[in-house]
């Protein structure tokens, strides 16, 4: 397992009260699963999926600035020191 930093952006930082949490895991899915397990009670229903075990499909997850949808999604393997970011999608003009 490798150590990575999970960076909480916008609503996640406000709800959890922290900007960064360190986790150990092999994949993005490992890290996100640990985060949801640890903080499920602080997250709104709109941020979690129907089972409350994963993030909602519209939540943006990045590894070192790259969207996991263009990598290997939640199976994306991590390296020591990688930075994982979670955020709600923001848009506007």
C-alpha atoms as a PDB file:
ATOM      1  CA  UNK A   1       0.000   0.000   0.000  1.00  0.00           C
ATOM      2  CA  UNK A   2       1.082   3.557  -0.679  1.00  0.00           C
ATOM      3  CA  UNK A   3       0.443   6.778   1.216  1.00  0.00           C
ATOM      4  CA  UNK A   4      -1.480   9.451  -0.650  1.00  0.00           C
ATOM      5  CA  UNK A   5      -3.091  12.744   0.251  1.00  0.00           C
ATOM      6  CA  UNK A   6      -6.812  13.168  -0.312  1.00  0.00           C
ATOM      7  CA  UNK A   7      -7.534  16.852  -0.960  1.00  0.00           C
ATOM      8  CA  UNK A   8     -11.059  17.961  -0.110  1.00  0.00           C
ATOM      9  CA  UNK A   9     -12.333  20.810  -2.233  1.00  0.00           C
ATOM     10  CA  UNK A  10     -15.329  23.141  -1.816  1.00  0.00           C
ATOM     11  CA  UNK A  11     -18.298  21.452  -0.056  1.00  0.00           C
ATOM     12  CA  UNK A  12     -16.186  18.511   1.132  1.00  0.00           C
ATOM     13  CA  UNK A  13     -13.761  20.792   2.990  1.00  0.00           C
ATOM     14  CA  UNK A  14     -16.669  22.693   4.522  1.00  0.00           C
ATOM     15  CA  UNK A  15     -18.497  19.541   5.670  1.00  0.00           C
ATOM     16  CA  UNK A  16     -15.439  17.728   7.022  1.00  0.00           C
ATOM     17  CA  UNK A  17     -13.590  20.746   8.380  1.00  0.00           C
ATOM     18  CA  UNK A  18     -10.274  19.701   6.839  1.00  0.00           C
ATOM     19  CA  UNK A  19      -8.579  20.330   3.509  1.00  0.00           C
ATOM     20  CA  UNK A  20      -6.326  17.272   3.376  1.00  0.00           C
ATOM     21  CA  UNK A  21      -6.432  13.761   4.811  1.00  0.00           C
ATOM     22  CA  UNK A  22      -3.716  11.130   4.422  1.00  0.00           C
ATOM     23  CA  UNK A  23      -4.726   7.565   3.550  1.00  0.00           C
ATOM     24  CA  UNK A  24      -3.049   4.328   2.533  1.00  0.00           C
ATOM     25  CA  UNK A  25      -4.311   2.196  -0.339  1.00  0.00           C
ATOM     26  CA  UNK A  26      -3.510   0.752  -3.742  1.00  0.00           C
ATOM     27  CA  UNK A  27      -6.285   2.270  -5.861  1.00  0.00           C
ATOM     28  CA  UNK A  28      -8.496   5.339  -5.970  1.00  0.00           C
ATOM     29  CA  UNK A  29     -11.365   3.083  -4.901  1.00  0.00           C
ATOM     30  CA  UNK A  30      -9.475   2.090  -1.730  1.00  0.00           C
ATOM     31  CA  UNK A  31      -8.983   5.732  -0.769  1.00  0.00           C
ATOM     32  CA  UNK A  32     -12.539   6.837  -1.541  1.00  0.00           C
ATOM     33  CA  UNK A  33     -14.018   3.836   0.297  1.00  0.00           C
ATOM     34  CA  UNK A  34     -12.005   4.695   3.409  1.00  0.00           C
ATOM     35  CA  UNK A  35     -13.043   8.337   3.201  1.00  0.00           C
ATOM     36  CA  UNK A  36     -16.762   7.523   2.843  1.00  0.00           C
ATOM     37  CA  UNK A  37     -16.568   5.024   5.717  1.00  0.00           C
ATOM     38  CA  UNK A  38     -14.837   7.577   7.970  1.00  0.00           C
ATOM     39  CA  UNK A  39     -17.040  10.587   7.139  1.00  0.00           C
ATOM     40  CA  UNK A  40     -20.372   9.221   5.893  1.00  0.00           C
ATOM     41  CA  UNK A  41     -22.256  10.861   8.776  1.00  0.00           C
ATOM     42  CA  UNK A  42     -20.981  14.323   7.778  1.00  0.00           C
ATOM     43  CA  UNK A  43     -21.828  14.019   4.069  1.00  0.00           C
ATOM     44  CA  UNK A  44     -25.170  15.034   2.566  1.00  0.00           C
ATOM     45  CA  UNK A  45     -27.250  12.438   0.738  1.00  0.00           C
ATOM     46  CA  UNK A  46     -26.576  14.284  -2.528  1.00  0.00           C
ATOM     47  CA  UNK A  47     -22.852  13.582  -2.208  1.00  0.00           C
ATOM     48  CA  UNK A  48     -23.285   9.818  -1.783  1.00  0.00           C
ATOM     49  CA  UNK A  49     -24.840   7.131  -3.972  1.00  0.00           C
ATOM     50  CA  UNK A  50     -28.091   5.356  -3.077  1.00  0.00           C
ATOM     51  CA  UNK A  51     -26.354   2.750  -0.883  1.00  0.00           C
ATOM     52  CA  UNK A  52     -24.374   5.453   0.981  1.00  0.00           C
ATOM     53  CA  UNK A  53     -21.179   3.430   0.424  1.00  0.00           C
ATOM     54  CA  UNK A  54     -19.711   5.409  -2.484  1.00  0.00           C
ATOM     55  CA  UNK A  55     -19.626   8.951  -3.769  1.00  0.00           C
ATOM     56  CA  UNK A  56     -22.411  10.077  -6.110  1.00  0.00           C
ATOM     57  CA  UNK A  57     -21.547   9.487  -9.773  1.00  0.00           C
ATOM     58  CA  UNK A  58     -21.438  13.241 -10.449  1.00  0.00           C
ATOM     59  CA  UNK A  59     -18.629  13.877  -7.947  1.00  0.00           C
ATOM     60  CA  UNK A  60     -15.374  14.808  -9.645  1.00  0.00           C
ATOM     61  CA  UNK A  61     -12.373  12.674  -8.618  1.00  0.00           C
ATOM     62  CA  UNK A  62      -8.897  13.631  -9.820  1.00  0.00           C
ATOM     63  CA  UNK A  63      -5.485  11.989  -9.439  1.00  0.00           C
ATOM     64  CA  UNK A  64      -2.654  14.479  -9.781  1.00  0.00           C
ATOM     65  CA  UNK A  65      -5.075  16.779 -11.612  1.00  0.00           C
ATOM     66  CA  UNK A  66      -6.362  14.139 -14.059  1.00  0.00           C
ATOM     67  CA  UNK A  67     -10.005  13.038 -14.051  1.00  0.00           C
ATOM     68  CA  UNK A  68     -10.249   9.331 -13.157  1.00  0.00           C
ATOM     69  CA  UNK A  69     -12.932   8.921 -15.846  1.00  0.00           C
ATOM     70  CA  UNK A  70     -10.082   9.172 -18.375  1.00  0.00           C
ATOM     71  CA  UNK A  71      -7.783   6.888 -16.411  1.00  0.00           C
ATOM     72  CA  UNK A  72      -8.977   3.557 -14.997  1.00  0.00           C
ATOM     73  CA  UNK A  73     -11.813   5.048 -12.911  1.00  0.00           C
ATOM     74  CA  UNK A  74     -11.888   3.730  -9.324  1.00  0.00           C
ATOM     75  CA  UNK A  75      -9.425   0.985 -10.286  1.00  0.00           C
ATOM     76  CA  UNK A  76      -6.736   3.586 -11.048  1.00  0.00           C
ATOM     77  CA  UNK A  77      -3.575   2.443  -9.294  1.00  0.00           C
ATOM     78  CA  UNK A  78      -1.775   4.907  -7.078  1.00  0.00           C
ATOM     79  CA  UNK A  79       1.900   5.631  -6.476  1.00  0.00           C
ATOM     80  CA  UNK A  80       3.540   6.913  -3.302  1.00  0.00           C
ATOM     81  CA  UNK A  81       2.895  10.638  -2.970  1.00  0.00           C
ATOM     82  CA  UNK A  82      -0.003  10.838  -5.444  1.00  0.00           C
ATOM     83  CA  UNK A  83      -2.593  13.503  -4.756  1.00  0.00           C
ATOM     84  CA  UNK A  84      -6.274  12.599  -4.988  1.00  0.00           C
ATOM     85  CA  UNK A  85      -8.851  15.409  -5.154  1.00  0.00           C
ATOM     86  CA  UNK A  86     -12.621  15.246  -4.703  1.00  0.00           C
ATOM     87  CA  UNK A  87     -14.986  18.033  -5.620  1.00  0.00           C
ATOM     88  CA  UNK A  88     -18.503  18.714  -6.757  1.00  0.00           C
ATOM     89  CA  UNK A  89     -18.638  19.815 -10.369  1.00  0.00           C
ATOM     90  CA  UNK A  90     -18.834  23.595 -10.662  1.00  0.00           C
ATOM     91  CA  UNK A  91     -19.875  25.570 -13.675  1.00  0.00           C
ATOM     92  CA  UNK A  92     -21.002  29.023 -14.486  1.00  0.00           C
ATOM     93  CA  UNK A  93     -20.182  32.040 -16.478  1.00  0.00           C
END
